[in-house]
Amino acid sequence: MAQHFSERSERIEGLGELIKILKSSTIENRDKALRNLENVQEELTEEETPDANIIGKWLGKASETIKLANKETELFSKAKQVCDSFGIEF
């Protein structure tokens, strides 16, 4: 997981932006995806050494829902950007 403060901060910021976009969306199972993204954000902000495996699991679950969004939307592109920052294929 993010070893450098700046990298970790960028990931947290990206997650916050994605959560904000997702909250305004109407995709199916939005609340489940939100819960998973909020779990990731919490893990990054509250744990000294975030668990990369559990973060990957939560991001994977959230991305399954978000992939149902239109590929041209801001939601889809932000989700891809966030997953890429964690090295997770979207």
PDB file of N, CA and C in Angstrom:
ATOM      1  N   MET A   1       0.838  -1.174   0.000  1.00  0.00           N
ATOM      2  CA  MET A   1       0.000   0.000   0.000  1.00  0.00           C
ATOM      3  C   MET A   1       0.883   1.237   0.000  1.00  0.00           C
ATOM      4  N   ALA A   2       0.274   2.370  -0.053  1.00  0.00           N
ATOM      5  CA  ALA A   2       1.016   3.623  -0.197  1.00  0.00           C
ATOM      6  C   ALA A   2       2.046   3.784   0.913  1.00  0.00           C
ATOM      7  N   GLN A   3       3.282   3.847   0.531  1.00  0.00           N
ATOM      8  CA  GLN A   3       4.359   4.013   1.496  1.00  0.00           C
ATOM      9  C   GLN A   3       4.665   5.478   1.754  1.00  0.00           C
ATOM     10  N   HIS A   4       4.364   6.324   0.817  1.00  0.00           N
ATOM     11  CA  HIS A   4       4.681   7.735   0.944  1.00  0.00           C
ATOM     12  C   HIS A   4       3.416   8.517   1.265  1.00  0.00           C
ATOM     13  N   PHE A   5       3.578   9.514   2.110  1.00  0.00           N
ATOM     14  CA  PHE A   5       2.442  10.321   2.533  1.00  0.00           C
ATOM     15  C   PHE A   5       1.725  10.954   1.348  1.00  0.00           C
ATOM     16  N   SER A   6       2.479  11.481   0.392  1.00  0.00           N
ATOM     17  CA  SER A   6       1.845  12.167  -0.741  1.00  0.00           C
ATOM     18  C   SER A   6       1.023  11.191  -1.589  1.00  0.00           C
ATOM     19  N   GLU A   7       1.545  10.000  -1.800  1.00  0.00           N
ATOM     20  CA  GLU A   7       0.820   8.987  -2.573  1.00  0.00           C
ATOM     21  C   GLU A   7      -0.463   8.585  -1.846  1.00  0.00           C
ATOM     22  N   ARG A   8      -0.344   8.394  -0.560  1.00  0.00           N
ATOM     23  CA  ARG A   8      -1.499   8.020   0.252  1.00  0.00           C
ATOM     24  C   ARG A   8      -2.541   9.140   0.228  1.00  0.00           C
ATOM     25  N   SER A   9      -2.090  10.377   0.354  1.00  0.00           N
ATOM     26  CA  SER A   9      -2.996  11.529   0.324  1.00  0.00           C
ATOM     27  C   SER A   9      -3.724  11.628  -1.016  1.00  0.00           C
ATOM     28  N   GLU A  10      -3.003  11.379  -2.105  1.00  0.00           N
ATOM     29  CA  GLU A  10      -3.615  11.416  -3.429  1.00  0.00           C
ATOM     30  C   GLU A  10      -4.690  10.341  -3.567  1.00  0.00           C
ATOM     31  N   ARG A  11      -4.431   9.178  -3.024  1.00  0.00           N
ATOM     32  CA  ARG A  11      -5.410   8.092  -3.090  1.00  0.00           C
ATOM     33  C   ARG A  11      -6.651   8.448  -2.280  1.00  0.00           C
ATOM     34  N   ILE A  12      -6.456   9.007  -1.102  1.00  0.00           N
ATOM     35  CA  ILE A  12      -7.576   9.405  -0.254  1.00  0.00           C
ATOM     36  C   ILE A  12      -8.396  10.493  -0.944  1.00  0.00           C
ATOM     37  N   GLU A  13      -7.713  11.446  -1.541  1.00  0.00           N
ATOM     38  CA  GLU A  13      -8.397  12.521  -2.263  1.00  0.00           C
ATOM     39  C   GLU A  13      -9.194  11.962  -3.446  1.00  0.00           C
ATOM     40  N   GLY A  14      -8.585  11.070  -4.204  1.00  0.00           N
ATOM     41  CA  GLY A  14      -9.269  10.455  -5.337  1.00  0.00           C
ATOM     42  C   GLY A  14     -10.500   9.675  -4.902  1.00  0.00           C
ATOM     43  N   LEU A  15     -10.375   8.943  -3.802  1.00  0.00           N
ATOM     44  CA  LEU A  15     -11.516   8.205  -3.268  1.00  0.00           C
ATOM     45  C   LEU A  15     -12.635   9.156  -2.867  1.00  0.00           C
ATOM     46  N   GLY A  16     -12.266  10.267  -2.229  1.00  0.00           N
ATOM     47  CA  GLY A  16     -13.271  11.254  -1.828  1.00  0.00           C
ATOM     48  C   GLY A  16     -14.022  11.800  -3.023  1.00  0.00           C
ATOM     49  N   GLU A  17     -13.296  12.086  -4.096  1.00  0.00           N
ATOM     50  CA  GLU A  17     -13.934  12.582  -5.318  1.00  0.00           C
ATOM     51  C   GLU A  17     -14.857  11.526  -5.925  1.00  0.00           C
ATOM     52  N   LEU A  18     -14.390  10.283  -5.952  1.00  0.00           N
ATOM     53  CA  LEU A  18     -15.201   9.191  -6.492  1.00  0.00           C
ATOM     54  C   LEU A  18     -16.468   8.987  -5.662  1.00  0.00           C
ATOM     55  N   ILE A  19     -16.340   9.031  -4.347  1.00  0.00           N
ATOM     56  CA  ILE A  19     -17.497   8.871  -3.466  1.00  0.00           C
ATOM     57  C   ILE A  19     -18.514   9.982  -3.726  1.00  0.00           C
ATOM     58  N   LYS A  20     -18.036  11.196  -3.877  1.00  0.00           N
ATOM     59  CA  LYS A  20     -18.925  12.334  -4.139  1.00  0.00           C
ATOM     60  C   LYS A  20     -19.689  12.130  -5.453  1.00  0.00           C
ATOM     61  N   ILE A  21     -18.977  11.708  -6.485  1.00  0.00           N
ATOM     62  CA  ILE A  21     -19.614  11.469  -7.790  1.00  0.00           C
ATOM     63  C   ILE A  21     -20.626  10.329  -7.686  1.00  0.00           C
ATOM     64  N   LEU A  22     -20.240   9.258  -6.997  1.00  0.00           N
ATOM     65  CA  LEU A  22     -21.116   8.098  -6.860  1.00  0.00           C
ATOM     66  C   LEU A  22     -22.391   8.449  -6.093  1.00  0.00           C
ATOM     67  N   LYS A  23     -22.266   9.289  -5.073  1.00  0.00           N
ATOM     68  CA  LYS A  23     -23.447   9.690  -4.293  1.00  0.00           C
ATOM     69  C   LYS A  23     -24.493  10.386  -5.161  1.00  0.00           C
ATOM     70  N   SER A  24     -24.052  11.069  -6.191  1.00  0.00           N
ATOM     71  CA  SER A  24     -25.008  11.783  -7.051  1.00  0.00           C
ATOM     72  C   SER A  24     -25.488  10.929  -8.227  1.00  0.00           C
ATOM     73  N   SER A  25     -25.010   9.697  -8.318  1.00  0.00           N
ATOM     74  CA  SER A  25     -25.408   8.827  -9.427  1.00  0.00           C
ATOM     75  C   SER A  25     -26.681   8.055  -9.083  1.00  0.00           C
ATOM     76  N   THR A  26     -27.215   7.409 -10.083  1.00  0.00           N
ATOM     77  CA  THR A  26     -28.431   6.614  -9.887  1.00  0.00           C
ATOM     78  C   THR A  26     -28.222   5.151 -10.270  1.00  0.00           C
ATOM     79  N   ILE A  27     -26.959   4.713 -10.334  1.00  0.00           N
ATOM     80  CA  ILE A  27     -26.718   3.333 -10.748  1.00  0.00           C
ATOM     81  C   ILE A  27     -27.236   2.351  -9.704  1.00  0.00           C
ATOM     82  N   GLU A  28     -27.581   1.180 -10.180  1.00  0.00           N
ATOM     83  CA  GLU A  28     -28.079   0.119  -9.314  1.00  0.00           C
ATOM     84  C   GLU A  28     -26.986  -0.310  -8.342  1.00  0.00           C
ATOM     85  N   ASN A  29     -27.375  -0.632  -7.133  1.00  0.00           N
ATOM     86  CA  ASN A  29     -26.460  -1.080  -6.063  1.00  0.00           C
ATOM     87  C   ASN A  29     -25.453  -0.008  -5.658  1.00  0.00           C
ATOM     88  N   ARG A  30     -25.829   1.244  -5.869  1.00  0.00           N
ATOM     89  CA  ARG A  30     -24.956   2.367  -5.521  1.00  0.00           C
ATOM     90  C   ARG A  30     -24.537   2.325  -4.055  1.00  0.00           C
ATOM     91  N   ASP A  31     -25.479   2.019  -3.161  1.00  0.00           N
ATOM     92  CA  ASP A  31     -25.182   2.053  -1.734  1.00  0.00           C
ATOM     93  C   ASP A  31     -24.131   1.019  -1.330  1.00  0.00           C
ATOM     94  N   LYS A  32     -24.163  -0.145  -1.967  1.00  0.00           N
ATOM     95  CA  LYS A  32     -23.148  -1.173  -1.677  1.00  0.00           C
ATOM     96  C   LYS A  32     -21.767  -0.703  -2.134  1.00  0.00           C
ATOM     97  N   ALA A  33     -21.715  -0.109  -3.312  1.00  0.00           N
ATOM     98  CA  ALA A  33     -20.439   0.399  -3.820  1.00  0.00           C
ATOM     99  C   ALA A  33     -19.924   1.516  -2.922  1.00  0.00           C
ATOM    100  N   LEU A  34     -20.817   2.389  -2.476  1.00  0.00           N
ATOM    101  CA  LEU A  34     -20.421   3.479  -1.571  1.00  0.00           C
ATOM    102  C   LEU A  34     -19.829   2.922  -0.285  1.00  0.00           C
ATOM    103  N   ARG A  35     -20.474   1.933   0.277  1.00  0.00           N
ATOM    104  CA  ARG A  35     -19.997   1.340   1.527  1.00  0.00           C
ATOM    105  C   ARG A  35     -18.586   0.765   1.340  1.00  0.00           C
ATOM    106  N   ASN A  36     -18.350   0.088   0.228  1.00  0.00           N
ATOM    107  CA  ASN A  36     -17.019  -0.473  -0.027  1.00  0.00           C
ATOM    108  C   ASN A  36     -15.967   0.621  -0.191  1.00  0.00           C
ATOM    109  N   LEU A  37     -16.306   1.692  -0.907  1.00  0.00           N
ATOM    110  CA  LEU A  37     -15.353   2.790  -1.090  1.00  0.00           C
ATOM    111  C   LEU A  37     -15.092   3.518   0.222  1.00  0.00           C
ATOM    112  N   GLU A  38     -16.115   3.694   1.022  1.00  0.00           N
ATOM    113  CA  GLU A  38     -15.930   4.329   2.332  1.00  0.00           C
ATOM    114  C   GLU A  38     -15.070   3.459   3.241  1.00  0.00           C
ATOM    115  N   ASN A  39     -15.193   2.137   3.117  1.00  0.00           N
ATOM    116  CA  ASN A  39     -14.332   1.224   3.880  1.00  0.00           C
ATOM    117  C   ASN A  39     -12.866   1.413   3.486  1.00  0.00           C
ATOM    118  N   VAL A  40     -12.615   1.549   2.184  1.00  0.00           N
ATOM    119  CA  VAL A  40     -11.251   1.769   1.705  1.00  0.00           C
ATOM    120  C   VAL A  40     -10.721   3.088   2.261  1.00  0.00           C
ATOM    121  N   GLN A  41     -11.531   4.122   2.170  1.00  0.00           N
ATOM    122  CA  GLN A  41     -11.110   5.437   2.652  1.00  0.00           C
ATOM    123  C   GLN A  41     -10.795   5.384   4.153  1.00  0.00           C
ATOM    124  N   GLU A  42     -11.631   4.696   4.904  1.00  0.00           N
ATOM    125  CA  GLU A  42     -11.413   4.549   6.338  1.00  0.00           C
ATOM    126  C   GLU A  42     -10.120   3.784   6.631  1.00  0.00           C
ATOM    127  N   GLU A  43      -9.895   2.717   5.904  1.00  0.00           N
ATOM    128  CA  GLU A  43      -8.672   1.921   6.093  1.00  0.00           C
ATOM    129  C   GLU A  43      -7.432   2.782   5.849  1.00  0.00           C
ATOM    130  N   LEU A  44      -7.479   3.608   4.814  1.00  0.00           N
ATOM    131  CA  LEU A  44      -6.331   4.456   4.487  1.00  0.00           C
ATOM    132  C   LEU A  44      -6.119   5.572   5.494  1.00  0.00           C
ATOM    133  N   THR A  45      -7.192   6.096   6.041  1.00  0.00           N
ATOM    134  CA  THR A  45      -7.052   7.230   6.951  1.00  0.00           C
ATOM    135  C   THR A  45      -6.820   6.815   8.398  1.00  0.00           C
ATOM    136  N   GLU A  46      -7.293   5.631   8.779  1.00  0.00           N
ATOM    137  CA  GLU A  46      -7.228   5.250  10.185  1.00  0.00           C
ATOM    138  C   GLU A  46      -6.140   4.239  10.533  1.00  0.00           C
ATOM    139  N   GLU A  47      -5.649   3.513   9.557  1.00  0.00           N
ATOM    140  CA  GLU A  47      -4.647   2.487   9.836  1.00  0.00           C
ATOM    141  C   GLU A  47      -3.249   2.978   9.472  1.00  0.00           C
ATOM    142  N   GLU A  48      -2.314   2.751  10.363  1.00  0.00           N
ATOM    143  CA  GLU A  48      -0.922   3.132  10.090  1.00  0.00           C
ATOM    144  C   GLU A  48      -0.375   2.346   8.903  1.00  0.00           C
ATOM    145  N   THR A  49      -0.707   1.052   8.861  1.00  0.00           N
ATOM    146  CA  THR A  49      -0.307   0.200   7.751  1.00  0.00           C
ATOM    147  C   THR A  49      -1.566  -0.414   7.156  1.00  0.00           C
ATOM    148  N   PRO A  50      -2.147   0.231   6.150  1.00  0.00           N
ATOM    149  CA  PRO A  50      -3.379  -0.294   5.547  1.00  0.00           C
ATOM    150  C   PRO A  50      -3.178  -1.682   4.951  1.00  0.00           C
ATOM    151  N   ASP A  51      -4.203  -2.502   5.055  1.00  0.00           N
ATOM    152  CA  ASP A  51      -4.175  -3.874   4.549  1.00  0.00           C
ATOM    153  C   ASP A  51      -4.497  -3.870   3.051  1.00  0.00           C
ATOM    154  N   ALA A  52      -3.491  -4.102   2.237  1.00  0.00           N
ATOM    155  CA  ALA A  52      -3.645  -4.057   0.778  1.00  0.00           C
ATOM    156  C   ALA A  52      -4.631  -5.108   0.276  1.00  0.00           C
ATOM    157  N   ASN A  53      -4.661  -6.274   0.907  1.00  0.00           N
ATOM    158  CA  ASN A  53      -5.566  -7.332   0.457  1.00  0.00           C
ATOM    159  C   ASN A  53      -7.023  -6.950   0.645  1.00  0.00           C
ATOM    160  N   ILE A  54      -7.334  -6.413   1.801  1.00  0.00           N
ATOM    161  CA  ILE A  54      -8.735  -6.049   2.056  1.00  0.00           C
ATOM    162  C   ILE A  54      -9.137  -4.830   1.225  1.00  0.00           C
ATOM    163  N   ILE A  55      -8.208  -3.903   1.012  1.00  0.00           N
ATOM    164  CA  ILE A  55      -8.488  -2.751   0.158  1.00  0.00           C
ATOM    165  C   ILE A  55      -8.779  -3.228  -1.265  1.00  0.00           C
ATOM    166  N   GLY A  56      -7.988  -4.158  -1.750  1.00  0.00           N
ATOM    167  CA  GLY A  56      -8.213  -4.723  -3.086  1.00  0.00           C
ATOM    168  C   GLY A  56      -9.571  -5.387  -3.188  1.00  0.00           C
ATOM    169  N   LYS A  57      -9.971  -6.092  -2.150  1.00  0.00           N
ATOM    170  CA  LYS A  57     -11.270  -6.760  -2.120  1.00  0.00           C
ATOM    171  C   LYS A  57     -12.396  -5.726  -2.201  1.00  0.00           C
ATOM    172  N   TRP A  58     -12.313  -4.677  -1.373  1.00  0.00           N
ATOM    173  CA  TRP A  58     -13.359  -3.649  -1.363  1.00  0.00           C
ATOM    174  C   TRP A  58     -13.416  -2.894  -2.688  1.00  0.00           C
ATOM    175  N   LEU A  59     -12.264  -2.547  -3.232  1.00  0.00           N
ATOM    176  CA  LEU A  59     -12.245  -1.835  -4.516  1.00  0.00           C
ATOM    177  C   LEU A  59     -12.805  -2.713  -5.630  1.00  0.00           C
ATOM    178  N   GLY A  60     -12.484  -3.992  -5.577  1.00  0.00           N
ATOM    179  CA  GLY A  60     -13.011  -4.922  -6.577  1.00  0.00           C
ATOM    180  C   GLY A  60     -14.525  -5.000  -6.539  1.00  0.00           C
ATOM    181  N   LYS A  61     -15.078  -5.074  -5.337  1.00  0.00           N
ATOM    182  CA  LYS A  61     -16.538  -5.136  -5.196  1.00  0.00           C
ATOM    183  C   LYS A  61     -17.186  -3.846  -5.686  1.00  0.00           C
ATOM    184  N   ALA A  62     -16.609  -2.703  -5.329  1.00  0.00           N
ATOM    185  CA  ALA A  62     -17.165  -1.417  -5.765  1.00  0.00           C
ATOM    186  C   ALA A  62     -17.068  -1.279  -7.280  1.00  0.00           C
ATOM    187  N   SER A  63     -15.952  -1.702  -7.845  1.00  0.00           N
ATOM    188  CA  SER A  63     -15.766  -1.535  -9.292  1.00  0.00           C
ATOM    189  C   SER A  63     -16.731  -2.405 -10.088  1.00  0.00           C
ATOM    190  N   GLU A  64     -17.131  -3.556  -9.546  1.00  0.00           N
ATOM    191  CA  GLU A  64     -18.113  -4.404 -10.230  1.00  0.00           C
ATOM    192  C   GLU A  64     -19.404  -3.632 -10.471  1.00  0.00           C
ATOM    193  N   THR A  65     -19.828  -2.876  -9.491  1.00  0.00           N
ATOM    194  CA  THR A  65     -21.046  -2.075  -9.620  1.00  0.00           C
ATOM    195  C   THR A  65     -20.820  -0.894 -10.552  1.00  0.00           C
ATOM    196  N   ILE A  66     -19.713  -0.212 -10.379  1.00  0.00           N
ATOM    197  CA  ILE A  66     -19.444   1.002 -11.152  1.00  0.00           C
ATOM    198  C   ILE A  66     -19.248   0.686 -12.634  1.00  0.00           C
ATOM    199  N   LYS A  67     -18.760  -0.491 -12.935  1.00  0.00           N
ATOM    200  CA  LYS A  67     -18.566  -0.876 -14.340  1.00  0.00           C
ATOM    201  C   LYS A  67     -19.884  -0.915 -15.111  1.00  0.00           C
ATOM    202  N   LEU A  68     -20.995  -0.941 -14.397  1.00  0.00           N
ATOM    203  CA  LEU A  68     -22.303  -0.930 -15.046  1.00  0.00           C
ATOM    204  C   LEU A  68     -22.668   0.459 -15.563  1.00  0.00           C
ATOM    205  N   ALA A  69     -21.939   1.469 -15.106  1.00  0.00           N
ATOM    206  CA  ALA A  69     -22.189   2.840 -15.562  1.00  0.00           C
ATOM    207  C   ALA A  69     -21.692   2.999 -16.999  1.00  0.00           C
ATOM    208  N   ASN A  70     -22.240   3.967 -17.670  1.00  0.00           N
ATOM    209  CA  ASN A  70     -21.821   4.287 -19.032  1.00  0.00           C
ATOM    210  C   ASN A  70     -20.333   4.660 -19.017  1.00  0.00           C
ATOM    211  N   LYS A  71     -19.569   4.105 -19.932  1.00  0.00           N
ATOM    212  CA  LYS A  71     -18.122   4.346 -19.980  1.00  0.00           C
ATOM    213  C   LYS A  71     -17.766   5.795 -20.249  1.00  0.00           C
ATOM    214  N   GLU A  72     -18.713   6.578 -20.727  1.00  0.00           N
ATOM    215  CA  GLU A  72     -18.447   7.980 -21.035  1.00  0.00           C
ATOM    216  C   GLU A  72     -18.684   8.889 -19.833  1.00  0.00           C
ATOM    217  N   THR A  73     -19.129   8.348 -18.725  1.00  0.00           N
ATOM    218  CA  THR A  73     -19.474   9.187 -17.583  1.00  0.00           C
ATOM    219  C   THR A  73     -18.256   9.526 -16.730  1.00  0.00           C
ATOM    220  N   GLU A  74     -18.409  10.602 -15.971  1.00  0.00           N
ATOM    221  CA  GLU A  74     -17.375  11.029 -15.033  1.00  0.00           C
ATOM    222  C   GLU A  74     -17.155   9.949 -13.971  1.00  0.00           C
ATOM    223  N   LEU A  75     -18.232   9.286 -13.559  1.00  0.00           N
ATOM    224  CA  LEU A  75     -18.149   8.221 -12.566  1.00  0.00           C
ATOM    225  C   LEU A  75     -17.225   7.114 -13.045  1.00  0.00           C
ATOM    226  N   PHE A  76     -17.423   6.648 -14.260  1.00  0.00           N
ATOM    227  CA  PHE A  76     -16.621   5.559 -14.802  1.00  0.00           C
ATOM    228  C   PHE A  76     -15.149   5.955 -14.897  1.00  0.00           C
ATOM    229  N   SER A  77     -14.869   7.145 -15.428  1.00  0.00           N
ATOM    230  CA  SER A  77     -13.476   7.548 -15.613  1.00  0.00           C
ATOM    231  C   SER A  77     -12.776   7.787 -14.276  1.00  0.00           C
ATOM    232  N   LYS A  78     -13.478   8.336 -13.277  1.00  0.00           N
ATOM    233  CA  LYS A  78     -12.868   8.552 -11.961  1.00  0.00           C
ATOM    234  C   LYS A  78     -12.609   7.207 -11.284  1.00  0.00           C
ATOM    235  N   ALA A  79     -13.538   6.272 -11.414  1.00  0.00           N
ATOM    236  CA  ALA A  79     -13.348   4.944 -10.817  1.00  0.00           C
ATOM    237  C   ALA A  79     -12.131   4.258 -11.427  1.00  0.00           C
ATOM    238  N   LYS A  80     -11.977   4.367 -12.731  1.00  0.00           N
ATOM    239  CA  LYS A  80     -10.810   3.773 -13.393  1.00  0.00           C
ATOM    240  C   LYS A  80      -9.528   4.415 -12.879  1.00  0.00           C
ATOM    241  N   GLN A  81      -9.535   5.732 -12.755  1.00  0.00           N
ATOM    242  CA  GLN A  81      -8.356   6.453 -12.256  1.00  0.00           C
ATOM    243  C   GLN A  81      -7.994   6.012 -10.833  1.00  0.00           C
ATOM    244  N   VAL A  82      -8.977   5.878  -9.966  1.00  0.00           N
ATOM    245  CA  VAL A  82      -8.724   5.468  -8.587  1.00  0.00           C
ATOM    246  C   VAL A  82      -8.193   4.033  -8.540  1.00  0.00           C
ATOM    247  N   CYS A  83      -8.824   3.130  -9.258  1.00  0.00           N
ATOM    248  CA  CYS A  83      -8.354   1.740  -9.276  1.00  0.00           C
ATOM    249  C   CYS A  83      -6.926   1.656  -9.817  1.00  0.00           C
ATOM    250  N   ASP A  84      -6.647   2.400 -10.868  1.00  0.00           N
ATOM    251  CA  ASP A  84      -5.293   2.428 -11.420  1.00  0.00           C
ATOM    252  C   ASP A  84      -4.275   2.894 -10.403  1.00  0.00           C
ATOM    253  N   SER A  85      -4.659   3.860  -9.554  1.00  0.00           N
ATOM    254  CA  SER A  85      -3.718   4.373  -8.551  1.00  0.00           C
ATOM    255  C   SER A  85      -3.356   3.331  -7.512  1.00  0.00           C
ATOM    256  N   PHE A  86      -4.224   2.327  -7.365  1.00  0.00           N
ATOM    257  CA  PHE A  86      -3.964   1.226  -6.434  1.00  0.00           C
ATOM    258  C   PHE A  86      -3.373   0.009  -7.146  1.00  0.00           C
ATOM    259  N   GLY A  87      -3.197   0.114  -8.465  1.00  0.00           N
ATOM    260  CA  GLY A  87      -2.666  -1.008  -9.227  1.00  0.00           C
ATOM    261  C   GLY A  87      -3.687  -2.101  -9.441  1.00  0.00           C
ATOM    262  N   ILE A  88      -4.975  -1.735  -9.429  1.00  0.00           N
ATOM    263  CA  ILE A  88      -6.046  -2.696  -9.594  1.00  0.00           C
ATOM    264  C   ILE A  88      -6.680  -2.485 -10.958  1.00  0.00           C
ATOM    265  N   GLU A  89      -6.783  -3.562 -11.716  1.00  0.00           N
ATOM    266  CA  GLU A  89      -7.360  -3.488 -13.060  1.00  0.00           C
ATOM    267  C   GLU A  89      -8.830  -3.159 -12.974  1.00  0.00           C
ATOM    268  N   PHE A  90      -9.274  -2.230 -13.779  1.00  0.00           N
ATOM    269  CA  PHE A  90     -10.680  -1.822 -13.785  1.00  0.00           C
ATOM    270  C   PHE A  90     -11.342  -2.276 -15.055  1.00  0.00           C
TER     271      PHE A  90
END
